[in-house]
């Protein structure tokens, strides 16, 4: 499986394959009909407390990564999420964050790759 990362606001493309929104909150300004989201995986996104700590600059990206990784390890919904994405050749995980490199996506992608 090829796992891609993309902002929700980028134009959906055929090459995206199975599109997964990996944010707990729906992106502002995007109608559900226009989003071309195959799965909204809010249950595997960072917890509200962790997200608020990170966005409130209480913790840095390194600490956020460590804590989110720990959340994923303990998350019982992750197995079901993997089963749903596994049959697809290409999975694009999406976020509304402006900077993908310092969002939850790289952590989620790495975790997925280890489990597949």
PDB file of N, CA and C in Angstrom:
ATOM      1  N   UNK A   1       0.835  -1.180   0.000  1.00  0.00           N
ATOM      2  CA  UNK A   1       0.000   0.000   0.000  1.00  0.00           C
ATOM      3  C   UNK A   1       0.881   1.246   0.000  1.00  0.00           C
ATOM      4  N   UNK A   2       0.504   2.183  -0.841  1.00  0.00           N
ATOM      5  CA  UNK A   2       1.191   3.466  -0.879  1.00  0.00           C
ATOM      6  C   UNK A   2       0.365   4.446  -0.044  1.00  0.00           C
ATOM      7  N   UNK A   3       1.023   5.139   0.898  1.00  0.00           N
ATOM      8  CA  UNK A   3       0.339   6.107   1.751  1.00  0.00           C
ATOM      9  C   UNK A   3       0.836   7.504   1.404  1.00  0.00           C
ATOM     10  N   UNK A   4      -0.101   8.342   0.991  1.00  0.00           N
ATOM     11  CA  UNK A   4       0.207   9.730   0.647  1.00  0.00           C
ATOM     12  C   UNK A   4      -0.347  10.648   1.720  1.00  0.00           C
ATOM     13  N   UNK A   5       0.208  11.853   1.811  1.00  0.00           N
ATOM     14  CA  UNK A   5      -0.286  12.863   2.744  1.00  0.00           C
ATOM     15  C   UNK A   5      -0.629  14.122   1.942  1.00  0.00           C
ATOM     16  N   UNK A   6      -1.723  14.758   2.340  1.00  0.00           N
ATOM     17  CA  UNK A   6      -2.189  15.898   1.568  1.00  0.00           C
ATOM     18  C   UNK A   6      -3.056  16.791   2.451  1.00  0.00           C
ATOM     19  N   UNK A   7      -3.111  18.067   2.103  1.00  0.00           N
ATOM     20  CA  UNK A   7      -4.036  18.971   2.790  1.00  0.00           C
ATOM     21  C   UNK A   7      -5.432  18.763   2.227  1.00  0.00           C
ATOM     22  N   UNK A   8      -6.414  18.866   3.081  1.00  0.00           N
ATOM     23  CA  UNK A   8      -7.813  18.692   2.688  1.00  0.00           C
ATOM     24  C   UNK A   8      -8.215  19.705   1.626  1.00  0.00           C
ATOM     25  N   UNK A   9      -7.587  20.869   1.642  1.00  0.00           N
ATOM     26  CA  UNK A   9      -7.945  21.956   0.731  1.00  0.00           C
ATOM     27  C   UNK A   9      -7.368  21.790  -0.669  1.00  0.00           C
ATOM     28  N   UNK A  10      -6.477  20.818  -0.869  1.00  0.00           N
ATOM     29  CA  UNK A  10      -5.944  20.555  -2.202  1.00  0.00           C
ATOM     30  C   UNK A  10      -7.005  19.841  -3.031  1.00  0.00           C
ATOM     31  N   UNK A  11      -6.947  20.052  -4.335  1.00  0.00           N
ATOM     32  CA  UNK A  11      -7.928  19.452  -5.236  1.00  0.00           C
ATOM     33  C   UNK A  11      -7.801  17.928  -5.214  1.00  0.00           C
ATOM     34  N   UNK A  12      -8.921  17.220  -5.009  1.00  0.00           N
ATOM     35  CA  UNK A  12      -8.875  15.755  -5.047  1.00  0.00           C
ATOM     36  C   UNK A  12      -8.467  15.268  -6.442  1.00  0.00           C
ATOM     37  N   UNK A  13      -7.652  14.228  -6.469  1.00  0.00           N
ATOM     38  CA  UNK A  13      -7.197  13.664  -7.735  1.00  0.00           C
ATOM     39  C   UNK A  13      -7.484  12.165  -7.753  1.00  0.00           C
ATOM     40  N   UNK A  14      -7.612  11.616  -8.937  1.00  0.00           N
ATOM     41  CA  UNK A  14      -7.844  10.176  -9.104  1.00  0.00           C
ATOM     42  C   UNK A  14      -6.734   9.377  -8.421  1.00  0.00           C
ATOM     43  N   UNK A  15      -5.498   9.893  -8.503  1.00  0.00           N
ATOM     44  CA  UNK A  15      -4.341   9.185  -7.948  1.00  0.00           C
ATOM     45  C   UNK A  15      -4.328   9.150  -6.418  1.00  0.00           C
ATOM     46  N   UNK A  16      -5.249   9.882  -5.769  1.00  0.00           N
ATOM     47  CA  UNK A  16      -5.326   9.871  -4.304  1.00  0.00           C
ATOM     48  C   UNK A  16      -5.791   8.514  -3.780  1.00  0.00           C
ATOM     49  N   UNK A  17      -6.516   7.785  -4.595  1.00  0.00           N
ATOM     50  CA  UNK A  17      -7.044   6.495  -4.135  1.00  0.00           C
ATOM     51  C   UNK A  17      -8.087   6.695  -3.048  1.00  0.00           C
ATOM     52  N   UNK A  18      -7.972   5.915  -1.974  1.00  0.00           N
ATOM     53  CA  UNK A  18      -8.899   5.962  -0.843  1.00  0.00           C
ATOM     54  C   UNK A  18      -8.520   7.155   0.031  1.00  0.00           C
ATOM     55  N   UNK A  19      -9.430   8.116   0.164  1.00  0.00           N
ATOM     56  CA  UNK A  19      -9.131   9.368   0.880  1.00  0.00           C
ATOM     57  C   UNK A  19      -9.673   9.321   2.311  1.00  0.00           C
ATOM     58  N   UNK A  20      -8.759   9.557   3.275  1.00  0.00           N
ATOM     59  CA  UNK A  20      -9.095   9.475   4.695  1.00  0.00           C
ATOM     60  C   UNK A  20      -8.819  10.813   5.370  1.00  0.00           C
ATOM     61  N   UNK A  21      -9.845  11.402   5.948  1.00  0.00           N
ATOM     62  CA  UNK A  21      -9.661  12.606   6.752  1.00  0.00           C
ATOM     63  C   UNK A  21      -9.232  12.161   8.144  1.00  0.00           C
ATOM     64  N   UNK A  22      -8.031  12.561   8.552  1.00  0.00           N
ATOM     65  CA  UNK A  22      -7.474  12.128   9.833  1.00  0.00           C
ATOM     66  C   UNK A  22      -7.450  13.277  10.837  1.00  0.00           C
ATOM     67  N   UNK A  23      -8.471  14.105  10.828  1.00  0.00           N
ATOM     68  CA  UNK A  23      -8.631  15.205  11.784  1.00  0.00           C
ATOM     69  C   UNK A  23      -9.873  14.944  12.626  1.00  0.00           C
ATOM     70  N   UNK A  24      -9.837  15.386  13.862  1.00  0.00           N
ATOM     71  CA  UNK A  24     -10.989  15.225  14.751  1.00  0.00           C
ATOM     72  C   UNK A  24     -12.099  16.209  14.390  1.00  0.00           C
ATOM     73  N   UNK A  25     -11.714  17.369  13.843  1.00  0.00           N
ATOM     74  CA  UNK A  25     -12.676  18.400  13.470  1.00  0.00           C
ATOM     75  C   UNK A  25     -12.809  18.461  11.949  1.00  0.00           C
ATOM     76  N   UNK A  26     -14.031  18.717  11.477  1.00  0.00           N
ATOM     77  CA  UNK A  26     -14.244  18.863  10.038  1.00  0.00           C
ATOM     78  C   UNK A  26     -13.580  20.163   9.576  1.00  0.00           C
ATOM     79  N   UNK A  27     -12.894  20.157   8.423  1.00  0.00           N
ATOM     80  CA  UNK A  27     -12.199  21.362   7.941  1.00  0.00           C
ATOM     81  C   UNK A  27     -13.173  22.498   7.607  1.00  0.00           C
ATOM     82  N   UNK A  28     -12.786  23.687   8.012  1.00  0.00           N
ATOM     83  CA  UNK A  28     -13.614  24.867   7.757  1.00  0.00           C
ATOM     84  C   UNK A  28     -13.726  25.147   6.265  1.00  0.00           C
ATOM     85  N   UNK A  29     -14.920  25.536   5.870  1.00  0.00           N
ATOM     86  CA  UNK A  29     -15.134  25.999   4.510  1.00  0.00           C
ATOM     87  C   UNK A  29     -15.269  24.912   3.467  1.00  0.00           C
ATOM     88  N   UNK A  30     -15.301  23.655   3.877  1.00  0.00           N
ATOM     89  CA  UNK A  30     -15.433  22.559   2.911  1.00  0.00           C
ATOM     90  C   UNK A  30     -16.754  21.844   3.163  1.00  0.00           C
ATOM     91  N   UNK A  31     -17.572  21.785   2.128  1.00  0.00           N
ATOM     92  CA  UNK A  31     -18.833  21.050   2.239  1.00  0.00           C
ATOM     93  C   UNK A  31     -18.540  19.557   2.114  1.00  0.00           C
ATOM     94  N   UNK A  32     -19.277  18.766   2.859  1.00  0.00           N
ATOM     95  CA  UNK A  32     -19.051  17.315   2.846  1.00  0.00           C
ATOM     96  C   UNK A  32     -19.188  16.734   1.447  1.00  0.00           C
ATOM     97  N   UNK A  33     -20.114  17.272   0.662  1.00  0.00           N
ATOM     98  CA  UNK A  33     -20.320  16.756  -0.702  1.00  0.00           C
ATOM     99  C   UNK A  33     -19.122  17.039  -1.608  1.00  0.00           C
ATOM    100  N   UNK A  34     -18.371  18.100  -1.314  1.00  0.00           N
ATOM    101  CA  UNK A  34     -17.248  18.504  -2.161  1.00  0.00           C
ATOM    102  C   UNK A  34     -15.899  17.931  -1.705  1.00  0.00           C
ATOM    103  N   UNK A  35     -15.880  17.314  -0.540  1.00  0.00           N
ATOM    104  CA  UNK A  35     -14.608  16.900   0.058  1.00  0.00           C
ATOM    105  C   UNK A  35     -14.023  15.623  -0.538  1.00  0.00           C
ATOM    106  N   UNK A  36     -14.868  14.776  -1.124  1.00  0.00           N
ATOM    107  CA  UNK A  36     -14.414  13.500  -1.676  1.00  0.00           C
ATOM    108  C   UNK A  36     -13.650  12.685  -0.627  1.00  0.00           C
ATOM    109  N   UNK A  37     -14.259  12.579   0.558  1.00  0.00           N
ATOM    110  CA  UNK A  37     -13.680  11.824   1.667  1.00  0.00           C
ATOM    111  C   UNK A  37     -14.344  10.442   1.689  1.00  0.00           C
ATOM    112  N   UNK A  38     -13.526   9.395   1.669  1.00  0.00           N
ATOM    113  CA  UNK A  38     -14.053   8.030   1.740  1.00  0.00           C
ATOM    114  C   UNK A  38     -14.256   7.581   3.187  1.00  0.00           C
ATOM    115  N   UNK A  39     -13.440   8.131   4.089  1.00  0.00           N
ATOM    116  CA  UNK A  39     -13.515   7.751   5.493  1.00  0.00           C
ATOM    117  C   UNK A  39     -13.081   8.933   6.348  1.00  0.00           C
ATOM    118  N   UNK A  40     -13.896   9.269   7.348  1.00  0.00           N
ATOM    119  CA  UNK A  40     -13.508  10.283   8.318  1.00  0.00           C
ATOM    120  C   UNK A  40     -13.065   9.536   9.566  1.00  0.00           C
ATOM    121  N   UNK A  41     -11.768   9.458   9.785  1.00  0.00           N
ATOM    122  CA  UNK A  41     -11.201   8.645  10.859  1.00  0.00           C
ATOM    123  C   UNK A  41     -10.886   9.495  12.086  1.00  0.00           C
ATOM    124  N   UNK A  42     -11.898  10.191  12.594  1.00  0.00           N
ATOM    125  CA  UNK A  42     -11.660  11.075  13.739  1.00  0.00           C
ATOM    126  C   UNK A  42     -11.260  10.303  14.996  1.00  0.00           C
ATOM    127  N   UNK A  43     -11.668   9.028  15.095  1.00  0.00           N
ATOM    128  CA  UNK A  43     -11.352   8.238  16.287  1.00  0.00           C
ATOM    129  C   UNK A  43      -9.873   7.867  16.394  1.00  0.00           C
ATOM    130  N   UNK A  44      -9.113   8.013  15.311  1.00  0.00           N
ATOM    131  CA  UNK A  44      -7.672   7.716  15.384  1.00  0.00           C
ATOM    132  C   UNK A  44      -6.825   8.990  15.320  1.00  0.00           C
ATOM    133  N   UNK A  45      -7.484  10.129  15.299  1.00  0.00           N
ATOM    134  CA  UNK A  45      -6.752  11.393  15.298  1.00  0.00           C
ATOM    135  C   UNK A  45      -6.307  11.716  16.729  1.00  0.00           C
ATOM    136  N   UNK A  46      -5.408  12.690  16.890  1.00  0.00           N
ATOM    137  CA  UNK A  46      -4.966  13.038  18.250  1.00  0.00           C
ATOM    138  C   UNK A  46      -6.156  13.444  19.127  1.00  0.00           C
ATOM    139  N   UNK A  47      -6.074  13.100  20.408  1.00  0.00           N
ATOM    140  CA  UNK A  47      -7.139  13.461  21.349  1.00  0.00           C
ATOM    141  C   UNK A  47      -7.286  14.980  21.407  1.00  0.00           C
ATOM    142  N   UNK A  48      -8.434  15.429  21.843  1.00  0.00           N
ATOM    143  CA  UNK A  48      -8.696  16.866  21.951  1.00  0.00           C
ATOM    144  C   UNK A  48      -7.673  17.533  22.864  1.00  0.00           C
ATOM    145  N   UNK A  49      -7.380  16.922  24.006  1.00  0.00           N
ATOM    146  CA  UNK A  49      -6.408  17.512  24.939  1.00  0.00           C
ATOM    147  C   UNK A  49      -5.021  17.629  24.311  1.00  0.00           C
ATOM    148  N   UNK A  50      -4.601  16.584  23.605  1.00  0.00           N
ATOM    149  CA  UNK A  50      -3.278  16.607  22.969  1.00  0.00           C
ATOM    150  C   UNK A  50      -3.238  17.657  21.869  1.00  0.00           C
ATOM    151  N   UNK A  51      -4.286  17.708  21.062  1.00  0.00           N
ATOM    152  CA  UNK A  51      -4.347  18.695  19.985  1.00  0.00           C
ATOM    153  C   UNK A  51      -4.281  20.115  20.545  1.00  0.00           C
ATOM    154  N   UNK A  52      -5.040  20.377  21.610  1.00  0.00           N
ATOM    155  CA  UNK A  52      -5.054  21.721  22.213  1.00  0.00           C
ATOM    156  C   UNK A  52      -3.704  22.072  22.826  1.00  0.00           C
ATOM    157  N   UNK A  53      -3.041  21.101  23.456  1.00  0.00           N
ATOM    158  CA  UNK A  53      -1.710  21.346  24.030  1.00  0.00           C
ATOM    159  C   UNK A  53      -0.711  21.715  22.947  1.00  0.00           C
ATOM    160  N   UNK A  54      -0.782  21.008  21.841  1.00  0.00           N
ATOM    161  CA  UNK A  54       0.154  21.266  20.740  1.00  0.00           C
ATOM    162  C   UNK A  54      -0.132  22.612  20.076  1.00  0.00           C
ATOM    163  N   UNK A  55      -1.384  22.849  19.732  1.00  0.00           N
ATOM    164  CA  UNK A  55      -1.725  24.099  19.054  1.00  0.00           C
ATOM    165  C   UNK A  55      -1.622  25.301  19.981  1.00  0.00           C
ATOM    166  N   UNK A  56      -1.695  25.068  21.281  1.00  0.00           N
ATOM    167  CA  UNK A  56      -1.528  26.149  22.249  1.00  0.00           C
ATOM    168  C   UNK A  56      -0.075  26.379  22.631  1.00  0.00           C
ATOM    169  N   UNK A  57       0.846  25.689  21.922  1.00  0.00           N
ATOM    170  CA  UNK A  57       2.291  25.800  22.140  1.00  0.00           C
ATOM    171  C   UNK A  57       2.726  25.403  23.550  1.00  0.00           C
ATOM    172  N   UNK A  58       1.950  24.532  24.189  1.00  0.00           N
ATOM    173  CA  UNK A  58       2.341  24.024  25.504  1.00  0.00           C
ATOM    174  C   UNK A  58       3.379  22.914  25.354  1.00  0.00           C
ATOM    175  N   UNK A  59       3.339  22.209  24.213  1.00  0.00           N
ATOM    176  CA  UNK A  59       4.322  21.164  23.914  1.00  0.00           C
ATOM    177  C   UNK A  59       4.848  21.371  22.501  1.00  0.00           C
ATOM    178  N   UNK A  60       6.077  20.899  22.237  1.00  0.00           N
ATOM    179  CA  UNK A  60       6.653  21.039  20.894  1.00  0.00           C
ATOM    180  C   UNK A  60       6.305  19.812  20.044  1.00  0.00           C
ATOM    181  N   UNK A  61       6.737  19.833  18.773  1.00  0.00           N
ATOM    182  CA  UNK A  61       6.385  18.752  17.860  1.00  0.00           C
ATOM    183  C   UNK A  61       6.953  17.411  18.318  1.00  0.00           C
ATOM    184  N   UNK A  62       8.161  17.424  18.880  1.00  0.00           N
ATOM    185  CA  UNK A  62       8.783  16.182  19.342  1.00  0.00           C
ATOM    186  C   UNK A  62       7.930  15.537  20.439  1.00  0.00           C
ATOM    187  N   UNK A  63       7.473  16.333  21.392  1.00  0.00           N
ATOM    188  CA  UNK A  63       6.636  15.819  22.477  1.00  0.00           C
ATOM    189  C   UNK A  63       5.266  15.387  21.946  1.00  0.00           C
ATOM    190  N   UNK A  64       4.715  16.184  21.030  1.00  0.00           N
ATOM    191  CA  UNK A  64       3.440  15.847  20.407  1.00  0.00           C
ATOM    192  C   UNK A  64       3.540  14.493  19.696  1.00  0.00           C
ATOM    193  N   UNK A  65       4.620  14.295  18.949  1.00  0.00           N
ATOM    194  CA  UNK A  65       4.838  13.042  18.218  1.00  0.00           C
ATOM    195  C   UNK A  65       4.871  11.849  19.163  1.00  0.00           C
ATOM    196  N   UNK A  66       5.603  12.000  20.252  1.00  0.00           N
ATOM    197  CA  UNK A  66       5.728  10.923  21.227  1.00  0.00           C
ATOM    198  C   UNK A  66       4.362  10.587  21.837  1.00  0.00           C
ATOM    199  N   UNK A  67       3.626  11.620  22.231  1.00  0.00           N
ATOM    200  CA  UNK A  67       2.328  11.400  22.874  1.00  0.00           C
ATOM    201  C   UNK A  67       1.291  10.856  21.893  1.00  0.00           C
ATOM    202  N   UNK A  68       1.299  11.344  20.661  1.00  0.00           N
ATOM    203  CA  UNK A  68       0.350  10.842  19.677  1.00  0.00           C
ATOM    204  C   UNK A  68       0.665   9.382  19.320  1.00  0.00           C
ATOM    205  N   UNK A  69       1.933   9.062  19.202  1.00  0.00           N
ATOM    206  CA  UNK A  69       2.337   7.673  18.964  1.00  0.00           C
ATOM    207  C   UNK A  69       1.845   6.760  20.074  1.00  0.00           C
ATOM    208  N   UNK A  70       1.947   7.216  21.310  1.00  0.00           N
ATOM    209  CA  UNK A  70       1.461   6.436  22.456  1.00  0.00           C
ATOM    210  C   UNK A  70      -0.063   6.282  22.388  1.00  0.00           C
ATOM    211  N   UNK A  71      -0.759   7.343  21.987  1.00  0.00           N
ATOM    212  CA  UNK A  71      -2.217   7.251  21.831  1.00  0.00           C
ATOM    213  C   UNK A  71      -2.590   6.217  20.768  1.00  0.00           C
ATOM    214  N   UNK A  72      -1.875   6.234  19.653  1.00  0.00           N
ATOM    215  CA  UNK A  72      -2.164   5.273  18.589  1.00  0.00           C
ATOM    216  C   UNK A  72      -1.960   3.834  19.068  1.00  0.00           C
ATOM    217  N   UNK A  73      -0.882   3.589  19.835  1.00  0.00           N
ATOM    218  CA  UNK A  73      -0.606   2.239  20.351  1.00  0.00           C
ATOM    219  C   UNK A  73      -1.729   1.736  21.240  1.00  0.00           C
ATOM    220  N   UNK A  74      -2.333   2.629  21.988  1.00  0.00           N
ATOM    221  CA  UNK A  74      -3.386   2.254  22.942  1.00  0.00           C
ATOM    222  C   UNK A  74      -4.787   2.318  22.335  1.00  0.00           C
ATOM    223  N   UNK A  75      -4.898   2.796  21.107  1.00  0.00           N
ATOM    224  CA  UNK A  75      -6.205   3.048  20.510  1.00  0.00           C
ATOM    225  C   UNK A  75      -6.822   1.766  19.937  1.00  0.00           C
ATOM    226  N   UNK A  76      -7.926   1.293  20.536  1.00  0.00           N
ATOM    227  CA  UNK A  76      -8.559   0.062  20.042  1.00  0.00           C
ATOM    228  C   UNK A  76      -9.191   0.228  18.651  1.00  0.00           C
ATOM    229  N   UNK A  77      -9.450   1.462  18.233  1.00  0.00           N
ATOM    230  CA  UNK A  77     -10.049   1.711  16.917  1.00  0.00           C
ATOM    231  C   UNK A  77      -9.034   1.618  15.775  1.00  0.00           C
ATOM    232  N   UNK A  78      -7.747   1.599  16.107  1.00  0.00           N
ATOM    233  CA  UNK A  78      -6.727   1.592  15.061  1.00  0.00           C
ATOM    234  C   UNK A  78      -6.760   0.314  14.230  1.00  0.00           C
ATOM    235  N   UNK A  79      -7.010  -0.820  14.853  1.00  0.00           N
ATOM    236  CA  UNK A  79      -7.065  -2.097  14.125  1.00  0.00           C
ATOM    237  C   UNK A  79      -8.182  -2.079  13.087  1.00  0.00           C
ATOM    238  N   UNK A  80      -9.352  -1.589  13.476  1.00  0.00           N
ATOM    239  CA  UNK A  80     -10.485  -1.491  12.537  1.00  0.00           C
ATOM    240  C   UNK A  80     -10.154  -0.519  11.406  1.00  0.00           C
ATOM    241  N   UNK A  81      -9.470   0.556  11.743  1.00  0.00           N
ATOM    242  CA  UNK A  81      -9.048   1.533  10.737  1.00  0.00           C
ATOM    243  C   UNK A  81      -8.110   0.875   9.716  1.00  0.00           C
ATOM    244  N   UNK A  82      -7.148   0.112  10.191  1.00  0.00           N
ATOM    245  CA  UNK A  82      -6.217  -0.581   9.284  1.00  0.00           C
ATOM    246  C   UNK A  82      -6.946  -1.559   8.377  1.00  0.00           C
ATOM    247  N   UNK A  83      -7.900  -2.294   8.939  1.00  0.00           N
ATOM    248  CA  UNK A  83      -8.665  -3.263   8.139  1.00  0.00           C
ATOM    249  C   UNK A  83      -9.443  -2.560   7.032  1.00  0.00           C
ATOM    250  N   UNK A  84      -9.913  -1.355   7.316  1.00  0.00           N
ATOM    251  CA  UNK A  84     -10.683  -0.620   6.320  1.00  0.00           C
ATOM    252  C   UNK A  84      -9.795  -0.045   5.217  1.00  0.00           C
ATOM    253  N   UNK A  85      -8.564   0.304   5.551  1.00  0.00           N
ATOM    254  CA  UNK A  85      -7.663   0.894   4.555  1.00  0.00           C
ATOM    255  C   UNK A  85      -6.837  -0.153   3.806  1.00  0.00           C
ATOM    256  N   UNK A  86      -6.599  -1.298   4.420  1.00  0.00           N
ATOM    257  CA  UNK A  86      -5.728  -2.335   3.857  1.00  0.00           C
ATOM    258  C   UNK A  86      -6.034  -2.765   2.423  1.00  0.00           C
ATOM    259  N   UNK A  87      -7.307  -2.925   2.044  1.00  0.00           N
ATOM    260  CA  UNK A  87      -7.577  -3.408   0.685  1.00  0.00           C
ATOM    261  C   UNK A  87      -7.211  -2.421  -0.429  1.00  0.00           C
ATOM    262  N   UNK A  88      -6.880  -1.186  -0.073  1.00  0.00           N
ATOM    263  CA  UNK A  88      -6.654  -0.160  -1.090  1.00  0.00           C
ATOM    264  C   UNK A  88      -5.176  -0.041  -1.441  1.00  0.00           C
ATOM    265  N   UNK A  89      -4.925   0.098  -2.748  1.00  0.00           N
ATOM    266  CA  UNK A  89      -3.549   0.222  -3.226  1.00  0.00           C
ATOM    267  C   UNK A  89      -2.920   1.530  -2.783  1.00  0.00           C
ATOM    268  N   UNK A  90      -3.700   2.603  -2.853  1.00  0.00           N
ATOM    269  CA  UNK A  90      -3.236   3.922  -2.449  1.00  0.00           C
ATOM    270  C   UNK A  90      -4.219   4.500  -1.441  1.00  0.00           C
ATOM    271  N   UNK A  91      -3.661   5.002  -0.347  1.00  0.00           N
ATOM    272  CA  UNK A  91      -4.454   5.682   0.678  1.00  0.00           C
ATOM    273  C   UNK A  91      -3.851   7.068   0.869  1.00  0.00           C
ATOM    274  N   UNK A  92      -4.688   8.092   0.789  1.00  0.00           N
ATOM    275  CA  UNK A  92      -4.234   9.457   1.038  1.00  0.00           C
ATOM    276  C   UNK A  92      -4.850   9.915   2.345  1.00  0.00           C
ATOM    277  N   UNK A  93      -3.978  10.208   3.323  1.00  0.00           N
ATOM    278  CA  UNK A  93      -4.463  10.729   4.594  1.00  0.00           C
ATOM    279  C   UNK A  93      -4.436  12.253   4.511  1.00  0.00           C
ATOM    280  N   UNK A  94      -5.505  12.838   4.997  1.00  0.00           N
ATOM    281  CA  UNK A  94      -5.739  14.271   4.816  1.00  0.00           C
ATOM    282  C   UNK A  94      -5.819  15.013   6.138  1.00  0.00           C
ATOM    283  N   UNK A  95      -5.384  16.262   6.112  1.00  0.00           N
ATOM    284  CA  UNK A  95      -5.492  17.151   7.265  1.00  0.00           C
ATOM    285  C   UNK A  95      -5.772  18.566   6.777  1.00  0.00           C
ATOM    286  N   UNK A  96      -6.342  19.372   7.650  1.00  0.00           N
ATOM    287  CA  UNK A  96      -6.544  20.775   7.307  1.00  0.00           C
ATOM    288  C   UNK A  96      -5.379  21.626   7.814  1.00  0.00           C
ATOM    289  N   UNK A  97      -4.427  21.016   8.507  1.00  0.00           N
ATOM    290  CA  UNK A  97      -3.265  21.748   9.024  1.00  0.00           C
ATOM    291  C   UNK A  97      -2.483  22.385   7.874  1.00  0.00           C
ATOM    292  N   UNK A  98      -1.969  23.579   8.119  1.00  0.00           N
ATOM    293  CA  UNK A  98      -1.225  24.305   7.078  1.00  0.00           C
ATOM    294  C   UNK A  98       0.110  23.655   6.763  1.00  0.00           C
ATOM    295  N   UNK A  99       0.777  23.128   7.781  1.00  0.00           N
ATOM    296  CA  UNK A  99       2.097  22.519   7.587  1.00  0.00           C
ATOM    297  C   UNK A  99       2.014  21.022   7.890  1.00  0.00           C
ATOM    298  N   UNK A 100       1.907  20.247   6.834  1.00  0.00           N
ATOM    299  CA  UNK A 100       1.752  18.797   6.976  1.00  0.00           C
ATOM    300  C   UNK A 100       2.925  18.176   7.745  1.00  0.00           C
ATOM    301  N   UNK A 101       4.132  18.671   7.503  1.00  0.00           N
ATOM    302  CA  UNK A 101       5.334  18.082   8.092  1.00  0.00           C
ATOM    303  C   UNK A 101       5.313  18.109   9.618  1.00  0.00           C
ATOM    304  N   UNK A 102       4.611  19.083  10.205  1.00  0.00           N
ATOM    305  CA  UNK A 102       4.550  19.189  11.669  1.00  0.00           C
ATOM    306  C   UNK A 102       3.111  18.990  12.156  1.00  0.00           C
ATOM    307  N   UNK A 103       2.382  18.145  11.431  1.00  0.00           N
ATOM    308  CA  UNK A 103       1.012  17.785  11.824  1.00  0.00           C
ATOM    309  C   UNK A 103       1.023  16.329  12.299  1.00  0.00           C
ATOM    310  N   UNK A 104      -0.148  15.795  12.558  1.00  0.00           N
ATOM    311  CA  UNK A 104      -0.262  14.400  12.987  1.00  0.00           C
ATOM    312  C   UNK A 104      -0.002  13.408  11.844  1.00  0.00           C
ATOM    313  N   UNK A 105      -0.106  13.867  10.586  1.00  0.00           N
ATOM    314  CA  UNK A 105      -0.015  12.942   9.450  1.00  0.00           C
ATOM    315  C   UNK A 105       1.287  12.152   9.357  1.00  0.00           C
ATOM    316  N   UNK A 106       2.466  12.778   9.501  1.00  0.00           N
ATOM    317  CA  UNK A 106       3.689  11.965   9.406  1.00  0.00           C
ATOM    318  C   UNK A 106       3.765  10.875  10.478  1.00  0.00           C
ATOM    319  N   UNK A 107       3.232  11.163  11.657  1.00  0.00           N
ATOM    320  CA  UNK A 107       3.241  10.199  12.754  1.00  0.00           C
ATOM    321  C   UNK A 107       2.289   9.052  12.418  1.00  0.00           C
ATOM    322  N   UNK A 108       1.098   9.403  11.944  1.00  0.00           N
ATOM    323  CA  UNK A 108       0.107   8.398  11.559  1.00  0.00           C
ATOM    324  C   UNK A 108       0.626   7.545  10.406  1.00  0.00           C
ATOM    325  N   UNK A 109       1.227   8.177   9.414  1.00  0.00           N
ATOM    326  CA  UNK A 109       1.753   7.439   8.257  1.00  0.00           C
ATOM    327  C   UNK A 109       2.811   6.424   8.695  1.00  0.00           C
ATOM    328  N   UNK A 110       3.741   6.868   9.521  1.00  0.00           N
ATOM    329  CA  UNK A 110       4.803   5.972   9.993  1.00  0.00           C
ATOM    330  C   UNK A 110       4.216   4.814  10.802  1.00  0.00           C
ATOM    331  N   UNK A 111       3.248   5.112  11.641  1.00  0.00           N
ATOM    332  CA  UNK A 111       2.595   4.075  12.449  1.00  0.00           C
ATOM    333  C   UNK A 111       1.878   3.066  11.560  1.00  0.00           C
ATOM    334  N   UNK A 112       1.192   3.560  10.538  1.00  0.00           N
ATOM    335  CA  UNK A 112       0.508   2.659   9.592  1.00  0.00           C
ATOM    336  C   UNK A 112       1.484   1.754   8.879  1.00  0.00           C
ATOM    337  N   UNK A 113       2.587   2.342   8.402  1.00  0.00           N
ATOM    338  CA  UNK A 113       3.592   1.568   7.662  1.00  0.00           C
ATOM    339  C   UNK A 113       4.205   0.463   8.527  1.00  0.00           C
ATOM    340  N   UNK A 114       4.389   0.733   9.801  1.00  0.00           N
ATOM    341  CA  UNK A 114       4.937  -0.285  10.707  1.00  0.00           C
ATOM    342  C   UNK A 114       3.957  -1.421  10.922  1.00  0.00           C
ATOM    343  N   UNK A 115       2.663  -1.118  10.922  1.00  0.00           N
ATOM    344  CA  UNK A 115       1.647  -2.126  11.220  1.00  0.00           C
ATOM    345  C   UNK A 115       1.233  -2.941  10.004  1.00  0.00           C
ATOM    346  N   UNK A 116       1.549  -2.462   8.801  1.00  0.00           N
ATOM    347  CA  UNK A 116       1.130  -3.185   7.595  1.00  0.00           C
ATOM    348  C   UNK A 116       2.134  -4.248   7.187  1.00  0.00           C
TER     349      UNK A 116
END
